[in-house]
Amino acid sequence: MQLFKANIKTVVLRYYLMMAVVLISLFLNIPILAVLAVPLFLSALLAVKIGK
């Protein structure tokens, strides 16, 4: 795991995935499920590259 090594495509994809998790959880009226978006937010913010 390396910080600040992911490309912009991966960062944008993680951001949109995070927003989808939040919107779906609020649409389903389960706000505690939005907590699952926190790891996605941090991985997008820090541009974590997983793997080699």
PDB file of N, CA and C in Angstrom:
ATOM      1  N   MET A   1       0.846  -1.175   0.000  1.00  0.00           N
ATOM      2  CA  MET A   1       0.000   0.000   0.000  1.00  0.00           C
ATOM      3  C   MET A   1       0.890   1.236   0.000  1.00  0.00           C
ATOM      4  N   GLN A   2       0.714   2.069  -1.012  1.00  0.00           N
ATOM      5  CA  GLN A   2       1.516   3.275  -1.137  1.00  0.00           C
ATOM      6  C   GLN A   2       0.581   4.491  -1.198  1.00  0.00           C
ATOM      7  N   LEU A   3       0.953   5.505  -0.460  1.00  0.00           N
ATOM      8  CA  LEU A   3       0.145   6.723  -0.441  1.00  0.00           C
ATOM      9  C   LEU A   3       0.530   7.628  -1.593  1.00  0.00           C
ATOM     10  N   PHE A   4      -0.445   8.340  -2.122  1.00  0.00           N
ATOM     11  CA  PHE A   4      -0.275   9.347  -3.176  1.00  0.00           C
ATOM     12  C   PHE A   4       0.329   8.766  -4.460  1.00  0.00           C
ATOM     13  N   LYS A   5       0.003   7.515  -4.778  1.00  0.00           N
ATOM     14  CA  LYS A   5       0.526   6.875  -5.977  1.00  0.00           C
ATOM     15  C   LYS A   5      -0.563   6.477  -6.963  1.00  0.00           C
ATOM     16  N   ALA A   6      -1.824   6.557  -6.588  1.00  0.00           N
ATOM     17  CA  ALA A   6      -2.917   6.159  -7.478  1.00  0.00           C
ATOM     18  C   ALA A   6      -3.106   7.215  -8.569  1.00  0.00           C
ATOM     19  N   ASN A   7      -3.556   6.756  -9.730  1.00  0.00           N
ATOM     20  CA  ASN A   7      -3.793   7.714 -10.812  1.00  0.00           C
ATOM     21  C   ASN A   7      -5.135   8.421 -10.602  1.00  0.00           C
ATOM     22  N   ILE A   8      -5.352   9.448 -11.375  1.00  0.00           N
ATOM     23  CA  ILE A   8      -6.532  10.297 -11.193  1.00  0.00           C
ATOM     24  C   ILE A   8      -7.816   9.533 -11.502  1.00  0.00           C
ATOM     25  N   LYS A   9      -7.763   8.601 -12.428  1.00  0.00           N
ATOM     26  CA  LYS A   9      -8.937   7.798 -12.772  1.00  0.00           C
ATOM     27  C   LYS A   9      -9.414   6.990 -11.567  1.00  0.00           C
ATOM     28  N   THR A  10      -8.492   6.399 -10.835  1.00  0.00           N
ATOM     29  CA  THR A  10      -8.826   5.614  -9.659  1.00  0.00           C
ATOM     30  C   THR A  10      -9.392   6.495  -8.555  1.00  0.00           C
ATOM     31  N   VAL A  11      -8.818   7.657  -8.369  1.00  0.00           N
ATOM     32  CA  VAL A  11      -9.285   8.577  -7.324  1.00  0.00           C
ATOM     33  C   VAL A  11     -10.709   9.044  -7.616  1.00  0.00           C
ATOM     34  N   VAL A  12     -10.986   9.391  -8.856  1.00  0.00           N
ATOM     35  CA  VAL A  12     -12.326   9.849  -9.227  1.00  0.00           C
ATOM     36  C   VAL A  12     -13.335   8.714  -9.096  1.00  0.00           C
ATOM     37  N   LEU A  13     -12.945   7.509  -9.481  1.00  0.00           N
ATOM     38  CA  LEU A  13     -13.832   6.358  -9.348  1.00  0.00           C
ATOM     39  C   LEU A  13     -14.175   6.087  -7.891  1.00  0.00           C
ATOM     40  N   ARG A  14     -13.192   6.177  -7.013  1.00  0.00           N
ATOM     41  CA  ARG A  14     -13.449   5.974  -5.581  1.00  0.00           C
ATOM     42  C   ARG A  14     -14.346   7.060  -5.014  1.00  0.00           C
ATOM     43  N   TYR A  15     -14.175   8.286  -5.503  1.00  0.00           N
ATOM     44  CA  TYR A  15     -15.011   9.388  -5.044  1.00  0.00           C
ATOM     45  C   TYR A  15     -16.471   9.146  -5.427  1.00  0.00           C
ATOM     46  N   TYR A  16     -16.705   8.752  -6.678  1.00  0.00           N
ATOM     47  CA  TYR A  16     -18.068   8.487  -7.122  1.00  0.00           C
ATOM     48  C   TYR A  16     -18.662   7.279  -6.404  1.00  0.00           C
ATOM     49  N   LEU A  17     -17.849   6.286  -6.117  1.00  0.00           N
ATOM     50  CA  LEU A  17     -18.325   5.132  -5.360  1.00  0.00           C
ATOM     51  C   LEU A  17     -18.719   5.547  -3.945  1.00  0.00           C
ATOM     52  N   MET A  18     -17.932   6.435  -3.352  1.00  0.00           N
ATOM     53  CA  MET A  18     -18.248   6.934  -2.021  1.00  0.00           C
ATOM     54  C   MET A  18     -19.581   7.689  -2.037  1.00  0.00           C
ATOM     55  N   MET A  19     -19.782   8.529  -3.030  1.00  0.00           N
ATOM     56  CA  MET A  19     -21.030   9.280  -3.125  1.00  0.00           C
ATOM     57  C   MET A  19     -22.208   8.346  -3.353  1.00  0.00           C
ATOM     58  N   ALA A  20     -22.012   7.289  -4.115  1.00  0.00           N
ATOM     59  CA  ALA A  20     -23.089   6.317  -4.343  1.00  0.00           C
ATOM     60  C   ALA A  20     -23.467   5.618  -3.048  1.00  0.00           C
ATOM     61  N   VAL A  21     -22.474   5.249  -2.247  1.00  0.00           N
ATOM     62  CA  VAL A  21     -22.754   4.588  -0.963  1.00  0.00           C
ATOM     63  C   VAL A  21     -23.554   5.518  -0.058  1.00  0.00           C
ATOM     64  N   VAL A  22     -23.176   6.767   0.001  1.00  0.00           N
ATOM     65  CA  VAL A  22     -23.885   7.730   0.853  1.00  0.00           C
ATOM     66  C   VAL A  22     -25.315   7.943   0.362  1.00  0.00           C
ATOM     67  N   LEU A  23     -25.478   8.152  -0.930  1.00  0.00           N
ATOM     68  CA  LEU A  23     -26.820   8.405  -1.458  1.00  0.00           C
ATOM     69  C   LEU A  23     -27.731   7.195  -1.311  1.00  0.00           C
ATOM     70  N   ILE A  24     -27.209   6.006  -1.549  1.00  0.00           N
ATOM     71  CA  ILE A  24     -28.027   4.799  -1.399  1.00  0.00           C
ATOM     72  C   ILE A  24     -28.420   4.594   0.061  1.00  0.00           C
ATOM     73  N   SER A  25     -27.481   4.826   0.965  1.00  0.00           N
ATOM     74  CA  SER A  25     -27.811   4.637   2.382  1.00  0.00           C
ATOM     75  C   SER A  25     -28.854   5.645   2.858  1.00  0.00           C
ATOM     76  N   LEU A  26     -28.769   6.860   2.377  1.00  0.00           N
ATOM     77  CA  LEU A  26     -29.770   7.856   2.774  1.00  0.00           C
ATOM     78  C   LEU A  26     -31.100   7.612   2.079  1.00  0.00           C
ATOM     79  N   PHE A  27     -31.058   7.125   0.831  1.00  0.00           N
ATOM     80  CA  PHE A  27     -32.285   6.804   0.112  1.00  0.00           C
ATOM     81  C   PHE A  27     -33.028   5.654   0.782  1.00  0.00           C
ATOM     82  N   LEU A  28     -32.278   4.681   1.286  1.00  0.00           N
ATOM     83  CA  LEU A  28     -32.881   3.545   1.979  1.00  0.00           C
ATOM     84  C   LEU A  28     -33.221   3.861   3.433  1.00  0.00           C
ATOM     85  N   ASN A  29     -32.927   5.087   3.857  1.00  0.00           N
ATOM     86  CA  ASN A  29     -33.224   5.562   5.210  1.00  0.00           C
ATOM     87  C   ASN A  29     -32.455   4.758   6.271  1.00  0.00           C
ATOM     88  N   ILE A  30     -31.196   4.455   5.962  1.00  0.00           N
ATOM     89  CA  ILE A  30     -30.309   3.767   6.903  1.00  0.00           C
ATOM     90  C   ILE A  30     -29.033   4.617   7.012  1.00  0.00           C
ATOM     91  N   PRO A  31     -29.074   5.705   7.758  1.00  0.00           N
ATOM     92  CA  PRO A  31     -27.931   6.622   7.784  1.00  0.00           C
ATOM     93  C   PRO A  31     -26.662   6.014   8.375  1.00  0.00           C
ATOM     94  N   ILE A  32     -26.777   5.012   9.214  1.00  0.00           N
ATOM     95  CA  ILE A  32     -25.578   4.411   9.793  1.00  0.00           C
ATOM     96  C   ILE A  32     -24.769   3.683   8.718  1.00  0.00           C
ATOM     97  N   LEU A  33     -25.419   3.284   7.643  1.00  0.00           N
ATOM     98  CA  LEU A  33     -24.724   2.636   6.534  1.00  0.00           C
ATOM     99  C   LEU A  33     -23.777   3.601   5.820  1.00  0.00           C
ATOM    100  N   ALA A  34     -24.003   4.892   5.962  1.00  0.00           N
ATOM    101  CA  ALA A  34     -23.139   5.892   5.344  1.00  0.00           C
ATOM    102  C   ALA A  34     -21.737   5.880   5.944  1.00  0.00           C
ATOM    103  N   VAL A  35     -21.578   5.260   7.093  1.00  0.00           N
ATOM    104  CA  VAL A  35     -20.254   5.144   7.718  1.00  0.00           C
ATOM    105  C   VAL A  35     -19.319   4.322   6.833  1.00  0.00           C
ATOM    106  N   LEU A  36     -19.873   3.451   6.003  1.00  0.00           N
ATOM    107  CA  LEU A  36     -19.049   2.662   5.088  1.00  0.00           C
ATOM    108  C   LEU A  36     -18.360   3.528   4.038  1.00  0.00           C
ATOM    109  N   ALA A  37     -18.801   4.749   3.884  1.00  0.00           N
ATOM    110  CA  ALA A  37     -18.195   5.642   2.909  1.00  0.00           C
ATOM    111  C   ALA A  37     -16.887   6.246   3.423  1.00  0.00           C
ATOM    112  N   VAL A  38     -16.651   6.185   4.713  1.00  0.00           N
ATOM    113  CA  VAL A  38     -15.444   6.795   5.286  1.00  0.00           C
ATOM    114  C   VAL A  38     -14.162   6.164   4.748  1.00  0.00           C
ATOM    115  N   PRO A  39     -14.024   4.829   4.699  1.00  0.00           N
ATOM    116  CA  PRO A  39     -12.794   4.266   4.126  1.00  0.00           C
ATOM    117  C   PRO A  39     -12.611   4.618   2.649  1.00  0.00           C
ATOM    118  N   LEU A  40     -13.721   4.704   1.916  1.00  0.00           N
ATOM    119  CA  LEU A  40     -13.618   5.105   0.515  1.00  0.00           C
ATOM    120  C   LEU A  40     -13.151   6.548   0.393  1.00  0.00           C
ATOM    121  N   PHE A  41     -13.663   7.390   1.261  1.00  0.00           N
ATOM    122  CA  PHE A  41     -13.250   8.792   1.261  1.00  0.00           C
ATOM    123  C   PHE A  41     -11.762   8.930   1.569  1.00  0.00           C
ATOM    124  N   LEU A  42     -11.300   8.202   2.572  1.00  0.00           N
ATOM    125  CA  LEU A  42      -9.882   8.294   2.942  1.00  0.00           C
ATOM    126  C   LEU A  42      -8.972   7.733   1.857  1.00  0.00           C
ATOM    127  N   SER A  43      -9.384   6.638   1.228  1.00  0.00           N
ATOM    128  CA  SER A  43      -8.546   6.081   0.171  1.00  0.00           C
ATOM    129  C   SER A  43      -8.521   6.996  -1.046  1.00  0.00           C
ATOM    130  N   ALA A  44      -9.610   7.692  -1.327  1.00  0.00           N
ATOM    131  CA  ALA A  44      -9.621   8.641  -2.437  1.00  0.00           C
ATOM    132  C   ALA A  44      -8.809   9.885  -2.093  1.00  0.00           C
ATOM    133  N   LEU A  45      -8.930  10.351  -0.874  1.00  0.00           N
ATOM    134  CA  LEU A  45      -8.218  11.550  -0.452  1.00  0.00           C
ATOM    135  C   LEU A  45      -6.705  11.336  -0.428  1.00  0.00           C
ATOM    136  N   LEU A  46      -6.278  10.169   0.041  1.00  0.00           N
ATOM    137  CA  LEU A  46      -4.860   9.872   0.160  1.00  0.00           C
ATOM    138  C   LEU A  46      -4.276   9.219  -1.091  1.00  0.00           C
ATOM    139  N   ALA A  47      -5.123   8.948  -2.101  1.00  0.00           N
ATOM    140  CA  ALA A  47      -4.689   8.332  -3.367  1.00  0.00           C
ATOM    141  C   ALA A  47      -3.885   7.057  -3.102  1.00  0.00           C
ATOM    142  N   VAL A  48      -4.469   6.168  -2.314  1.00  0.00           N
ATOM    143  CA  VAL A  48      -3.805   4.928  -1.939  1.00  0.00           C
ATOM    144  C   VAL A  48      -3.745   4.002  -3.153  1.00  0.00           C
ATOM    145  N   LYS A  49      -2.548   3.496  -3.425  1.00  0.00           N
ATOM    146  CA  LYS A  49      -2.377   2.517  -4.488  1.00  0.00           C
ATOM    147  C   LYS A  49      -2.213   1.159  -3.816  1.00  0.00           C
ATOM    148  N   ILE A  50      -3.124   0.249  -4.158  1.00  0.00           N
ATOM    149  CA  ILE A  50      -3.104  -1.080  -3.564  1.00  0.00           C
ATOM    150  C   ILE A  50      -2.423  -2.030  -4.528  1.00  0.00           C
ATOM    151  N   GLY A  51      -1.450  -2.752  -4.066  1.00  0.00           N
ATOM    152  CA  GLY A  51      -0.700  -3.660  -4.920  1.00  0.00           C
ATOM    153  C   GLY A  51       0.675  -3.106  -5.214  1.00  0.00           C
ATOM    154  N   LYS A  52       1.236  -3.559  -6.318  1.00  0.00           N
ATOM    155  CA  LYS A  52       2.602  -3.120  -6.657  1.00  0.00           C
ATOM    156  C   LYS A  52       2.635  -1.840  -7.419  1.00  0.00           C
TER     157      LYS A  52
END
